[in-house]
Amino acid sequence: MTKVDFYILPSADPSARLDFACKLVEKAWRM
């Protein structure tokens, strides 16, 4: 079964969203 996680970001700032997305992709890449 596929696992899905949802993240609630503390800020709606576009640069904060981009920073989080980059960190998440980097984490997934290492798996």
N, C-alpha and C. Protein backbone atom coordinates (compact mmCIF):
# COMPACT_ATOMS: atom_id res chain seq x y z
N MET A 1 0.84 -1.18 0.00
CA MET A 1 0.00 0.00 0.00
C MET A 1 0.89 1.25 0.00
N THR A 2 0.51 2.23 -0.77
CA THR A 2 1.25 3.47 -0.87
C THR A 2 0.99 4.35 0.35
N LYS A 3 2.05 4.96 0.85
CA LYS A 3 1.93 5.86 2.00
C LYS A 3 1.97 7.30 1.50
N VAL A 4 1.06 8.11 2.00
CA VAL A 4 0.99 9.52 1.62
C VAL A 4 1.10 10.37 2.88
N ASP A 5 2.00 11.34 2.87
CA ASP A 5 2.15 12.27 3.98
C ASP A 5 1.76 13.67 3.51
N PHE A 6 1.11 14.41 4.38
CA PHE A 6 0.74 15.79 4.09
C PHE A 6 1.51 16.70 5.03
N TYR A 7 1.93 17.82 4.53
CA TYR A 7 2.70 18.78 5.32
C TYR A 7 1.95 20.10 5.37
N ILE A 8 1.81 20.65 6.56
CA ILE A 8 1.21 21.98 6.73
C ILE A 8 2.35 22.95 6.98
N LEU A 9 2.56 23.85 6.05
CA LEU A 9 3.67 24.78 6.16
C LEU A 9 3.29 25.96 7.05
N PRO A 10 4.22 26.42 7.86
CA PRO A 10 3.92 27.52 8.78
C PRO A 10 3.79 28.88 8.08
N SER A 11 4.22 28.95 6.83
CA SER A 11 4.20 30.23 6.13
C SER A 11 3.67 30.05 4.71
N ALA A 12 2.95 31.03 4.21
CA ALA A 12 2.46 31.00 2.83
C ALA A 12 3.43 31.69 1.88
N ASP A 13 4.57 32.12 2.41
CA ASP A 13 5.59 32.80 1.61
C ASP A 13 6.11 31.88 0.51
N PRO A 14 6.08 32.31 -0.76
CA PRO A 14 6.54 31.45 -1.85
C PRO A 14 7.99 30.97 -1.69
N SER A 15 8.87 31.80 -1.17
CA SER A 15 10.26 31.36 -1.02
C SER A 15 10.38 30.29 0.06
N ALA A 16 9.56 30.36 1.10
CA ALA A 16 9.56 29.33 2.14
C ALA A 16 9.03 28.02 1.58
N ARG A 17 8.03 28.10 0.72
CA ARG A 17 7.49 26.90 0.08
C ARG A 17 8.54 26.26 -0.83
N LEU A 18 9.23 27.07 -1.58
CA LEU A 18 10.27 26.56 -2.47
C LEU A 18 11.39 25.91 -1.68
N ASP A 19 11.80 26.54 -0.59
CA ASP A 19 12.84 25.99 0.27
C ASP A 19 12.42 24.63 0.82
N PHE A 20 11.18 24.52 1.29
CA PHE A 20 10.68 23.26 1.82
C PHE A 20 10.64 22.20 0.72
N ALA A 21 10.16 22.57 -0.46
CA ALA A 21 10.07 21.62 -1.57
C ALA A 21 11.45 21.09 -1.95
N CYS A 22 12.44 21.96 -1.98
CA CYS A 22 13.81 21.54 -2.31
C CYS A 22 14.35 20.56 -1.26
N LYS A 23 14.10 20.84 0.01
CA LYS A 23 14.56 19.94 1.08
C LYS A 23 13.85 18.59 0.99
N LEU A 24 12.56 18.61 0.67
CA LEU A 24 11.81 17.37 0.56
C LEU A 24 12.30 16.52 -0.62
N VAL A 25 12.57 17.15 -1.75
CA VAL A 25 13.08 16.43 -2.91
C VAL A 25 14.46 15.86 -2.62
N GLU A 26 15.30 16.63 -1.93
CA GLU A 26 16.63 16.14 -1.57
C GLU A 26 16.52 14.92 -0.66
N LYS A 27 15.60 14.95 0.28
CA LYS A 27 15.40 13.81 1.18
C LYS A 27 14.93 12.58 0.39
N ALA A 28 13.99 12.77 -0.52
CA ALA A 28 13.48 11.66 -1.33
C ALA A 28 14.57 11.11 -2.24
N TRP A 29 15.43 11.97 -2.76
CA TRP A 29 16.51 11.55 -3.66
C TRP A 29 17.48 10.61 -2.95
N ARG A 30 17.71 10.85 -1.64
CA ARG A 30 18.65 10.04 -0.87
C ARG A 30 18.10 8.66 -0.54
N MET A 31 16.80 8.46 -0.66
CA MET A 31 16.19 7.16 -0.28
C MET A 31 16.53 6.06 -1.25
